[in-house]
């Protein structure tokens, strides 16, 4: 077994793991439990971890009685469940095999380098989801086809905002605006019959379902502050989506 590393390195590596878990979509209860287990596995005899959606504070007591504390500010990120699964596996490996902080840093770097889904796959997924949901909510086949086409405008705006590092709420607003304008123009061109059924397929692409789900889970787990923060975030995002489609109706003179 390797020698116990510096407490500062232990805390730094553990907090880096927790930060990535939160960014990728983990609920705070899972993050706190994971960090407590990994810190014990790396040599701490007592741990105290407190996490909310944008901050983690961890305190450890080492075998010699010394106590150390570090905190980590969490910036906005992109949910990525594939990376989250890799991070969960990393935490299990730490507990099972006592990886050193250096090993953990290398694994975290490899997870950071995981390639996103190729663009051509996303270009297939967006129209498919919009098409199916439009049909599910009562649209005709021509409405579903129009929803699939309009979803490409949503995807294009999301990619442009990602490249520009725009705020998430602005991204949701502009993406909804693009999808709404595209839907209404398609109907005016004779592609599609019901604007509302076309738009609903694109609305569902933008609804923050994971944030809403995690907020409810945090509330039920007793993490009230984090739960309310996540629910507020989901509500603001949903409002941005709604305003985007309203602005689209105003710009085109249409009605949802």
Protein backbone atom coordinates (compact mmCIF):
# COMPACT_ATOMS: atom_id res chain seq x y z
CA UNK A 1 0.00 0.00 0.00
CA UNK A 2 1.45 3.42 -0.91
CA UNK A 3 2.37 5.85 1.83
CA UNK A 4 -0.33 8.24 2.95
CA UNK A 5 -0.17 11.34 0.78
CA UNK A 6 -0.19 14.95 1.89
CA UNK A 7 -3.56 15.89 3.43
CA UNK A 8 -3.72 18.86 1.08
CA UNK A 9 -3.32 16.57 -1.95
CA UNK A 10 -5.90 14.17 -0.53
CA UNK A 11 -8.45 16.96 -0.12
CA UNK A 12 -7.63 18.51 -3.48
CA UNK A 13 -8.10 15.22 -5.35
CA UNK A 14 -11.31 14.36 -3.52
CA UNK A 15 -12.81 17.78 -4.13
CA UNK A 16 -11.88 17.57 -7.81
CA UNK A 17 -13.85 14.31 -7.96
CA UNK A 18 -16.83 15.86 -6.17
CA UNK A 19 -16.78 18.93 -8.40
CA UNK A 20 -16.99 16.85 -11.55
CA UNK A 21 -19.78 14.73 -10.11
CA UNK A 22 -21.91 17.81 -9.39
CA UNK A 23 -21.19 19.31 -12.80
CA UNK A 24 -22.15 16.06 -14.53
CA UNK A 25 -25.49 15.79 -12.74
CA UNK A 26 -25.06 13.96 -9.42
CA UNK A 27 -27.30 14.84 -6.49
CA UNK A 28 -25.57 16.36 -3.46
CA UNK A 29 -26.30 13.40 -1.18
CA UNK A 30 -24.41 11.08 -3.51
CA UNK A 31 -21.50 13.53 -3.69
CA UNK A 32 -21.23 13.85 0.09
CA UNK A 33 -21.39 10.09 0.59
CA UNK A 34 -18.82 9.45 -2.14
CA UNK A 35 -16.35 11.99 -0.75
CA UNK A 36 -16.70 10.65 2.80
CA UNK A 37 -15.88 7.14 1.60
CA UNK A 38 -12.99 8.18 -0.65
CA UNK A 39 -11.42 10.43 2.01
CA UNK A 40 -11.51 7.57 4.51
CA UNK A 41 -9.95 5.29 1.88
CA UNK A 42 -7.12 7.81 1.38
CA UNK A 43 -6.15 7.84 5.05
CA UNK A 44 -8.48 10.20 6.93
CA UNK A 45 -9.82 8.97 10.26
CA UNK A 46 -12.69 11.47 10.41
CA UNK A 47 -14.40 13.36 7.62
CA UNK A 48 -17.04 16.07 7.39
CA UNK A 49 -18.35 16.96 3.93
CA UNK A 50 -20.97 19.59 3.15
CA UNK A 51 -22.13 20.19 -0.40
CA UNK A 52 -24.66 22.35 -2.17
CA UNK A 53 -25.07 22.72 -5.91
CA UNK A 54 -22.30 25.33 -6.27
CA UNK A 55 -19.93 24.64 -3.39
CA UNK A 56 -18.26 21.77 -1.52
CA UNK A 57 -16.55 22.08 1.88
CA UNK A 58 -14.59 19.13 3.25
CA UNK A 59 -12.76 18.71 6.57
CA UNK A 60 -10.57 15.73 7.43
CA UNK A 61 -8.74 14.57 10.54
CA UNK A 62 -5.55 12.59 9.92
CA UNK A 63 -4.16 9.81 12.16
CA UNK A 64 -1.78 12.26 13.89
CA UNK A 65 -4.73 14.38 15.02
CA UNK A 66 -4.18 17.27 12.59
CA UNK A 67 -7.24 18.76 10.90
CA UNK A 68 -7.47 20.24 7.40
CA UNK A 69 -10.25 21.97 5.50
CA UNK A 70 -10.67 22.91 1.85
CA UNK A 71 -13.57 24.24 -0.19
CA UNK A 72 -14.35 24.11 -3.89
CA UNK A 73 -16.49 26.57 -5.84
CA UNK A 74 -18.55 24.83 -8.50
CA UNK A 75 -19.07 26.63 -11.77
CA UNK A 76 -21.88 25.98 -14.20
CA UNK A 77 -21.40 22.88 -16.30
CA UNK A 78 -22.99 20.48 -18.74
CA UNK A 79 -24.77 17.35 -17.53
CA UNK A 80 -22.99 14.27 -18.84
CA UNK A 81 -24.24 10.93 -17.53
CA UNK A 82 -21.51 8.91 -19.27
CA UNK A 83 -18.84 10.88 -17.41
CA UNK A 84 -20.84 10.54 -14.19
CA UNK A 85 -20.78 6.76 -14.51
CA UNK A 86 -17.00 6.88 -15.03
CA UNK A 87 -16.65 9.08 -11.93
CA UNK A 88 -18.75 6.65 -9.88
CA UNK A 89 -16.49 3.82 -11.02
CA UNK A 90 -13.43 5.87 -10.06
CA UNK A 91 -14.81 6.35 -6.55
CA UNK A 92 -15.39 2.61 -6.23
CA UNK A 93 -11.82 1.92 -7.39
CA UNK A 94 -10.46 4.36 -4.79
CA UNK A 95 -12.32 2.60 -2.01
CA UNK A 96 -11.33 -0.87 -3.22
CA UNK A 97 -7.71 -0.38 -4.20
CA UNK A 98 -6.37 2.78 -2.51
CA UNK A 99 -5.40 4.84 -5.51
CA UNK A 100 -2.99 7.69 -4.76
CA UNK A 101 -3.99 11.31 -5.44
CA UNK A 102 -1.67 11.19 -8.45
CA UNK A 103 -3.54 8.18 -9.84
CA UNK A 104 -6.84 9.94 -9.21
CA UNK A 105 -5.67 13.07 -11.05
CA UNK A 106 -4.72 10.95 -14.08
CA UNK A 107 -8.09 9.20 -14.09
CA UNK A 108 -9.90 12.54 -13.77
CA UNK A 109 -7.90 13.93 -16.70
CA UNK A 110 -8.88 10.89 -18.80
CA UNK A 111 -12.54 11.40 -17.88
CA UNK A 112 -12.30 15.08 -18.81
CA UNK A 113 -10.99 14.03 -22.22
CA UNK A 114 -13.93 11.72 -22.93
CA UNK A 115 -15.29 12.71 -26.33
CA UNK A 116 -18.89 13.94 -26.51
CA UNK A 117 -21.39 12.30 -28.81
CA UNK A 118 -20.47 13.01 -32.45
CA UNK A 119 -22.37 15.86 -34.07
CA UNK A 120 -23.95 13.58 -36.66
CA UNK A 121 -25.43 11.43 -33.89
CA UNK A 122 -26.91 14.52 -32.22
CA UNK A 123 -28.28 15.65 -35.60
CA UNK A 124 -30.17 12.37 -35.76
CA UNK A 125 -31.32 12.37 -32.12
CA UNK A 126 -32.80 15.88 -32.04
CA UNK A 127 -35.20 15.39 -35.00
CA UNK A 128 -36.14 11.91 -33.81
CA UNK A 129 -37.09 13.11 -30.32
CA UNK A 130 -38.99 16.15 -31.62
CA UNK A 131 -40.84 14.02 -34.17
CA UNK A 132 -41.90 11.34 -31.67
CA UNK A 133 -42.98 13.83 -29.01
CA UNK A 134 -45.00 15.84 -31.50
CA UNK A 135 -46.89 12.67 -32.42
CA UNK A 136 -47.24 11.71 -28.74
CA UNK A 137 -48.93 15.01 -27.90
CA UNK A 138 -51.47 14.70 -30.71
CA UNK A 139 -49.73 16.13 -33.76
CA UNK A 140 -50.19 14.77 -37.27
CA UNK A 141 -47.44 13.20 -39.32
CA UNK A 142 -46.87 16.47 -41.16
CA UNK A 143 -46.60 18.22 -37.77
CA UNK A 144 -44.04 15.65 -36.69
CA UNK A 145 -42.02 16.26 -39.84
CA UNK A 146 -42.12 20.02 -39.22
CA UNK A 147 -41.06 19.49 -35.59
CA UNK A 148 -38.09 17.43 -36.79
CA UNK A 149 -37.00 20.20 -39.15
CA UNK A 150 -37.49 22.92 -36.51
CA UNK A 151 -35.39 20.92 -34.04
CA UNK A 152 -32.36 21.49 -36.27
CA UNK A 153 -32.70 25.23 -35.58
CA UNK A 154 -32.77 24.47 -31.85
CA UNK A 155 -29.66 22.35 -32.18
CA UNK A 156 -27.83 24.99 -34.23
CA UNK A 157 -28.53 27.72 -31.65
CA UNK A 158 -27.47 25.48 -28.78
CA UNK A 159 -24.17 24.70 -30.50
CA UNK A 160 -23.56 28.38 -31.28
CA UNK A 161 -24.27 29.40 -27.69
CA UNK A 162 -22.00 26.65 -26.41
CA UNK A 163 -19.17 27.92 -28.59
CA UNK A 164 -19.81 31.47 -27.36
CA UNK A 165 -19.97 30.26 -23.71
CA UNK A 166 -23.33 31.96 -23.26
CA UNK A 167 -25.24 31.69 -20.00
CA UNK A 168 -27.54 28.71 -19.77
CA UNK A 169 -30.70 30.81 -19.46
CA UNK A 170 -29.75 32.86 -22.54
CA UNK A 171 -29.03 29.63 -24.40
CA UNK A 172 -32.48 28.26 -23.52
CA UNK A 173 -34.17 31.53 -24.50
CA UNK A 174 -32.44 31.80 -27.90
CA UNK A 175 -32.87 28.09 -28.67
CA UNK A 176 -36.60 28.28 -27.93
CA UNK A 177 -36.86 31.46 -30.01
CA UNK A 178 -35.17 29.73 -32.95
CA UNK A 179 -37.40 26.65 -32.65
CA UNK A 180 -40.56 28.76 -32.41
CA UNK A 181 -39.69 30.95 -35.39
CA UNK A 182 -38.77 27.89 -37.47
CA UNK A 183 -42.06 26.16 -36.55
CA UNK A 184 -44.19 29.15 -37.49
CA UNK A 185 -42.38 29.75 -40.76
CA UNK A 186 -42.79 26.10 -41.68
CA UNK A 187 -46.55 26.28 -41.08
CA UNK A 188 -46.79 29.39 -43.27
CA UNK A 189 -44.93 27.49 -45.99
CA UNK A 190 -47.46 24.66 -45.80
CA UNK A 191 -45.25 22.23 -43.83
CA UNK A 192 -47.26 21.50 -40.72
CA UNK A 193 -50.81 22.14 -39.57
CA UNK A 194 -50.76 22.91 -35.85
CA UNK A 195 -48.11 25.27 -34.51
CA UNK A 196 -48.65 24.16 -30.90
CA UNK A 197 -48.11 20.48 -31.74
CA UNK A 198 -44.93 21.34 -33.64
CA UNK A 199 -43.59 23.54 -30.86
CA UNK A 200 -44.28 21.01 -28.11
CA UNK A 201 -41.86 18.57 -29.72
CA UNK A 202 -39.12 21.20 -29.51
CA UNK A 203 -40.11 22.41 -26.04
CA UNK A 204 -39.40 18.96 -24.65
CA UNK A 205 -35.85 19.14 -26.02
CA UNK A 206 -35.19 22.13 -23.75
CA UNK A 207 -37.03 21.19 -20.54
CA UNK A 208 -34.49 20.75 -17.66
CA UNK A 209 -35.73 17.33 -16.62
CA UNK A 210 -32.56 16.18 -14.83
CA UNK A 211 -32.28 19.38 -12.77
CA UNK A 212 -35.94 19.04 -11.77
CA UNK A 213 -35.54 15.37 -10.85
CA UNK A 214 -32.39 15.99 -8.80
CA UNK A 215 -34.08 18.91 -7.04
CA UNK A 216 -36.97 16.72 -5.93
CA UNK A 217 -34.58 13.94 -4.85
CA UNK A 218 -32.50 16.40 -2.82
CA UNK A 219 -35.63 17.67 -1.07
CA UNK A 220 -36.78 14.16 -0.21
CA UNK A 221 -33.26 13.34 1.04
CA UNK A 222 -33.31 16.27 3.46
CA UNK A 223 -30.96 18.51 1.45
CA UNK A 224 -33.42 21.38 1.44
CA UNK A 225 -31.09 24.16 0.32
CA UNK A 226 -29.74 22.22 -2.65
CA UNK A 227 -33.20 20.98 -3.58
CA UNK A 228 -34.63 24.48 -3.64
CA UNK A 229 -31.64 25.77 -5.61
CA UNK A 230 -32.06 23.08 -8.25
CA UNK A 231 -35.81 23.63 -8.48
CA UNK A 232 -35.28 27.38 -8.84
CA UNK A 233 -32.74 26.73 -11.58
CA UNK A 234 -35.16 24.41 -13.39
CA UNK A 235 -38.00 26.94 -13.04
CA UNK A 236 -35.91 29.80 -14.45
CA UNK A 237 -34.81 27.63 -17.37
CA UNK A 238 -38.42 26.65 -18.06
CA UNK A 239 -39.43 30.32 -17.97
CA UNK A 240 -36.65 31.15 -20.44
CA UNK A 241 -37.96 28.45 -22.78
CA UNK A 242 -41.50 29.78 -22.46
CA UNK A 243 -40.46 33.36 -23.13
CA UNK A 244 -38.48 32.20 -26.16
CA UNK A 245 -41.57 30.72 -27.81
CA UNK A 246 -43.67 33.76 -26.85
CA UNK A 247 -41.11 36.08 -28.45
CA UNK A 248 -41.17 33.86 -31.54
CA UNK A 249 -44.94 34.31 -31.78
CA UNK A 250 -44.56 38.08 -31.43
CA UNK A 251 -41.83 38.29 -34.05
CA UNK A 252 -43.71 36.22 -36.62
CA UNK A 253 -47.20 37.47 -35.81
CA UNK A 254 -48.30 33.92 -35.09
CA UNK A 255 -50.17 32.44 -32.14
CA UNK A 256 -49.23 29.42 -30.08
